[in-house]
Amino acid sequence: MTQARNLALFDLDNTLLIGDSDFEWPRFLIKRGIVDQAYYDHRNNHFYEQYKAGTLNIGEYLEFALEPLTRYDNAELAALHAAYMDEHILPIIPQAARDLLNLHRQQGDEILIITATNRFITGPIAAELGVDDEHLIAIDLERTADGRYTGKHTGVPSFQAGKITRLEMWLAERGQTLASYGRSFFYSDSHNDLPLLSIVSNPVAVDPDDTLRQHAKEQGWPIISLRG
């Protein structure tokens, strides 16, 4: 009998990246003079502290984070994102993350990035890591008929327990469940991902925050670093 394929799930920010892409994007906008530094520094830090504490109001955060996208057309946003990738993202992709992804590919595993950051920011990052749009679960964004962003999100945000909901939806579209795979891995740094970490067969804590590190130790989960 042929052995079932494995599924390897990866968080993005502070897991495959040495940093947070959703935190870096406002920093990029501030540097370009697109948004007010004092206001955005204050709000960005406020929401990031909420995220680390596990108390982030995802709706309030998205209202703040998505507004700048409404100011530009797709060509302008693509140019901005290309500069953002060069200046803020490529320097924080560790070789160890690329190597881990390649290891799972070599083993024939199916790879999926599942992130609480929106698809506009994460789509090109996933592509840089060799993961196509079909294998990226991110917060989806509403667009007008002519393709401009409205500043609102659509569907269930892939955040905390919402990652389980979105994963189950993704699997159902393919006529699958987690049980369709031989093993299911999930790599994450954050205690916000404990719901999904708790249902896969092989949870792995990657450079974890203190809460996740303690939980991983108690559960006997592997703890690894991708930061060299």
Protein backbone atom coordinates (compact mmCIF):
# COMPACT_ATOMS: atom_id res chain seq x y z
CA MET A 1 0.00 0.00 0.00
CA THR A 2 1.30 3.47 -0.90
CA GLN A 3 2.09 5.59 2.15
CA ALA A 4 0.01 8.76 2.45
CA ARG A 5 1.79 12.01 1.70
CA ASN A 6 2.72 14.27 4.60
CA LEU A 7 1.53 17.88 5.03
CA ALA A 8 4.00 20.51 6.25
CA LEU A 9 2.38 23.71 7.52
CA PHE A 10 4.45 26.82 8.20
CA ASP A 11 3.67 30.05 9.96
CA LEU A 12 5.45 32.95 8.27
CA ASP A 13 6.30 35.84 10.59
CA ASN A 14 9.06 35.15 13.10
CA THR A 15 9.09 31.56 11.87
CA LEU A 16 10.27 31.52 8.25
CA LEU A 17 11.21 35.18 8.65
CA ILE A 18 13.46 36.74 11.27
CA GLY A 19 10.87 39.40 11.89
CA ASP A 20 7.24 40.24 11.16
CA SER A 21 6.21 41.22 7.63
CA ASP A 22 3.05 42.92 8.93
CA PHE A 23 5.20 45.03 11.25
CA GLU A 24 7.78 45.80 8.56
CA TRP A 25 5.23 47.08 6.02
CA PRO A 26 4.27 50.19 8.07
CA ARG A 27 7.96 50.79 8.75
CA PHE A 28 8.50 50.79 4.98
CA LEU A 29 5.57 53.20 4.46
CA ILE A 30 6.95 55.52 7.15
CA LYS A 31 10.38 55.51 5.53
CA ARG A 32 8.80 56.44 2.19
CA GLY A 33 6.84 59.28 3.78
CA ILE A 34 3.53 57.65 2.85
CA VAL A 35 2.11 57.61 6.37
CA ASP A 36 2.66 59.77 9.43
CA GLN A 37 5.52 58.38 11.49
CA ALA A 38 4.34 59.36 14.96
CA TYR A 39 0.84 57.97 14.45
CA TYR A 40 1.87 54.79 12.70
CA ASP A 41 4.73 54.02 15.06
CA HIS A 42 2.36 54.38 17.99
CA ARG A 43 -0.46 52.29 16.49
CA ASN A 44 1.84 49.68 14.97
CA ASN A 45 3.64 49.12 18.27
CA HIS A 46 0.29 49.06 20.10
CA PHE A 47 -1.08 46.28 17.91
CA TYR A 48 2.17 44.33 17.93
CA GLU A 49 2.19 44.29 21.72
CA GLN A 50 -1.42 43.07 21.64
CA TYR A 51 -0.42 40.30 19.24
CA LYS A 52 2.42 39.17 21.47
CA ALA A 53 0.07 39.17 24.45
CA GLY A 54 -2.55 37.15 22.57
CA THR A 55 -5.15 39.95 22.88
CA LEU A 56 -5.09 41.39 19.36
CA ASN A 57 -8.43 42.72 18.12
CA ILE A 58 -8.01 41.48 14.56
CA GLY A 59 -10.83 43.60 13.11
CA GLU A 60 -9.48 46.82 14.61
CA TYR A 61 -5.98 45.97 13.49
CA LEU A 62 -7.02 45.24 9.92
CA GLU A 63 -8.90 48.53 9.67
CA PHE A 64 -5.64 50.28 10.57
CA ALA A 65 -3.33 48.15 8.45
CA LEU A 66 -5.31 48.02 5.22
CA GLU A 67 -6.17 51.70 4.79
CA PRO A 68 -2.95 52.65 2.92
CA LEU A 69 -3.72 50.05 0.24
CA THR A 70 -6.79 52.02 -0.80
CA ARG A 71 -4.68 54.99 -1.91
CA TYR A 72 -2.97 53.31 -4.87
CA ASP A 73 -3.77 51.30 -7.97
CA ASN A 74 -2.34 47.84 -8.53
CA ALA A 75 0.68 48.97 -10.55
CA GLU A 76 1.69 51.48 -7.87
CA LEU A 77 1.23 48.89 -5.13
CA ALA A 78 3.28 46.32 -7.05
CA ALA A 79 6.15 48.81 -7.33
CA LEU A 80 5.94 49.63 -3.64
CA HIS A 81 5.87 45.96 -2.70
CA ALA A 82 8.92 45.19 -4.85
CA ALA A 83 10.89 47.87 -3.01
CA TYR A 84 9.57 46.61 0.34
CA MET A 85 10.71 43.09 -0.52
CA ASP A 86 14.22 44.26 -1.40
CA GLU A 87 14.65 46.55 1.58
CA HIS A 88 12.75 44.81 4.38
CA ILE A 89 12.03 41.16 3.59
CA LEU A 90 14.89 39.57 1.67
CA PRO A 91 17.35 40.52 4.44
CA ILE A 92 15.25 38.65 7.04
CA ILE A 93 14.79 35.35 5.20
CA PRO A 94 17.32 33.00 6.80
CA GLN A 95 18.96 30.29 4.73
CA ALA A 96 17.88 27.78 7.37
CA ALA A 97 14.23 28.51 6.53
CA ARG A 98 14.85 27.88 2.85
CA ASP A 99 16.70 24.68 3.74
CA LEU A 100 13.83 23.41 5.91
CA LEU A 101 11.31 24.04 3.14
CA ASN A 102 13.57 22.24 0.68
CA LEU A 103 13.95 19.30 3.06
CA HIS A 104 10.19 18.81 3.12
CA ARG A 105 10.05 19.14 -0.66
CA GLN A 106 12.75 16.50 -1.06
CA GLN A 107 10.72 14.20 1.19
CA GLY A 108 7.71 14.66 -1.09
CA ASP A 109 5.66 16.54 1.50
CA GLU A 110 2.98 19.04 0.55
CA ILE A 111 3.89 22.51 1.81
CA LEU A 112 1.42 25.16 2.97
CA ILE A 113 2.11 28.57 4.49
CA ILE A 114 -0.65 29.68 6.87
CA THR A 115 -0.36 33.20 8.22
CA ALA A 116 -2.36 35.90 10.00
CA THR A 117 -0.86 38.52 7.68
CA ASN A 118 -2.83 39.62 4.64
CA ARG A 119 -2.41 38.18 1.16
CA PHE A 120 -1.17 41.44 -0.41
CA ILE A 121 1.88 41.43 1.83
CA THR A 122 2.49 37.70 1.97
CA GLY A 123 1.81 36.56 -1.60
CA PRO A 124 5.16 37.73 -3.02
CA ILE A 125 6.99 36.52 0.11
CA ALA A 126 5.53 33.04 -0.28
CA ALA A 127 6.51 33.09 -3.96
CA GLU A 128 10.08 33.99 -2.99
CA LEU A 129 10.05 30.92 -0.75
CA GLY A 130 8.81 28.74 -3.60
CA VAL A 131 5.22 28.48 -2.37
CA ASP A 132 2.49 29.27 -4.90
CA ASP A 133 -0.71 31.16 -4.18
CA GLU A 134 -2.75 27.95 -3.99
CA HIS A 135 -0.59 26.86 -1.05
CA LEU A 136 -0.85 30.12 0.89
CA ILE A 137 -3.57 30.70 3.46
CA ALA A 138 -3.61 34.36 4.47
CA ILE A 139 -6.15 37.02 5.34
CA ASP A 140 -8.02 37.72 2.11
CA LEU A 141 -8.83 41.26 1.07
CA GLU A 142 -11.89 42.83 -0.51
CA ARG A 143 -11.42 44.52 -3.87
CA THR A 144 -13.60 46.64 -6.13
CA ALA A 145 -14.70 45.59 -9.60
CA ASP A 146 -11.63 47.30 -11.07
CA GLY A 147 -9.28 45.55 -8.64
CA ARG A 148 -8.58 48.27 -6.11
CA TYR A 149 -8.45 47.39 -2.43
CA THR A 150 -11.34 48.64 -0.30
CA GLY A 151 -9.52 48.50 3.04
CA LYS A 152 -11.68 45.60 4.25
CA HIS A 153 -10.98 41.90 4.61
CA THR A 154 -13.16 39.02 3.47
CA GLY A 155 -13.93 35.66 5.01
CA VAL A 156 -12.53 34.19 8.20
CA PRO A 157 -9.23 35.75 9.30
CA SER A 158 -6.49 33.11 9.54
CA PHE A 159 -5.64 34.10 13.11
CA GLN A 160 -5.57 31.96 16.26
CA ALA A 161 -8.38 29.37 15.99
CA GLY A 162 -9.28 30.91 12.62
CA LYS A 163 -6.24 29.11 11.23
CA ILE A 164 -7.96 25.80 11.94
CA THR A 165 -11.14 26.99 10.22
CA ARG A 166 -9.25 28.18 7.15
CA LEU A 167 -7.18 25.00 6.98
CA GLU A 168 -10.30 22.85 7.21
CA MET A 169 -11.87 24.91 4.41
CA TRP A 170 -8.75 24.50 2.27
CA LEU A 171 -8.71 20.77 2.86
CA ALA A 172 -12.46 20.40 2.23
CA GLU A 173 -12.10 22.09 -1.16
CA ARG A 174 -9.72 19.28 -2.04
CA GLY A 175 -11.92 16.57 -0.57
CA GLN A 176 -9.47 16.02 2.27
CA THR A 177 -9.01 16.25 6.03
CA LEU A 178 -5.84 16.17 8.12
CA ALA A 179 -6.38 12.42 8.34
CA SER A 180 -5.79 12.24 4.59
CA TYR A 181 -2.09 12.77 5.28
CA GLY A 182 0.36 10.39 6.87
CA ARG A 183 1.76 13.07 9.16
CA SER A 184 0.96 16.74 9.58
CA PHE A 185 3.67 19.17 10.68
CA PHE A 186 3.15 22.73 11.85
CA TYR A 187 6.07 25.07 12.49
CA SER A 188 5.35 28.25 14.46
CA ASP A 189 6.93 30.72 16.85
CA SER A 190 3.78 32.01 18.53
CA HIS A 191 1.43 31.01 21.32
CA ASN A 192 -1.30 32.50 19.12
CA ASP A 193 -0.90 29.32 17.04
CA LEU A 194 -1.47 26.88 19.91
CA PRO A 195 -4.92 25.90 18.57
CA LEU A 196 -3.46 24.61 15.29
CA LEU A 197 -0.28 23.29 16.87
CA SER A 198 -2.45 21.18 19.14
CA ILE A 199 -4.24 19.30 16.35
CA VAL A 200 -1.36 18.35 14.03
CA SER A 201 0.57 15.13 14.55
CA ASN A 202 3.98 16.87 14.58
CA PRO A 203 3.96 20.34 16.17
CA VAL A 204 7.31 22.15 16.13
CA ALA A 205 8.13 25.34 18.05
CA VAL A 206 10.47 27.59 16.05
CA ASP A 207 12.36 30.27 17.98
CA PRO A 208 9.26 30.38 20.19
CA ASP A 209 7.94 33.12 22.41
CA ASP A 210 8.11 32.40 26.13
CA THR A 211 4.57 31.05 26.39
CA LEU A 212 4.97 28.67 23.49
CA ARG A 213 8.42 27.59 24.66
CA GLN A 214 7.04 26.61 28.05
CA HIS A 215 4.10 24.79 26.51
CA ALA A 216 6.36 22.96 24.07
CA LYS A 217 8.61 21.82 26.91
CA GLU A 218 5.62 20.56 28.88
CA GLN A 219 4.25 18.67 25.87
CA GLY A 220 7.62 17.35 24.71
CA TRP A 221 7.38 19.13 21.35
CA PRO A 222 10.58 19.76 19.40
CA ILE A 223 12.02 23.29 19.75
CA ILE A 224 14.24 24.45 16.89
CA SER A 225 15.87 27.64 15.65
CA LEU A 226 16.07 28.87 12.06
CA ARG A 227 18.17 31.91 12.95
CA GLY A 228 21.56 30.33 12.56
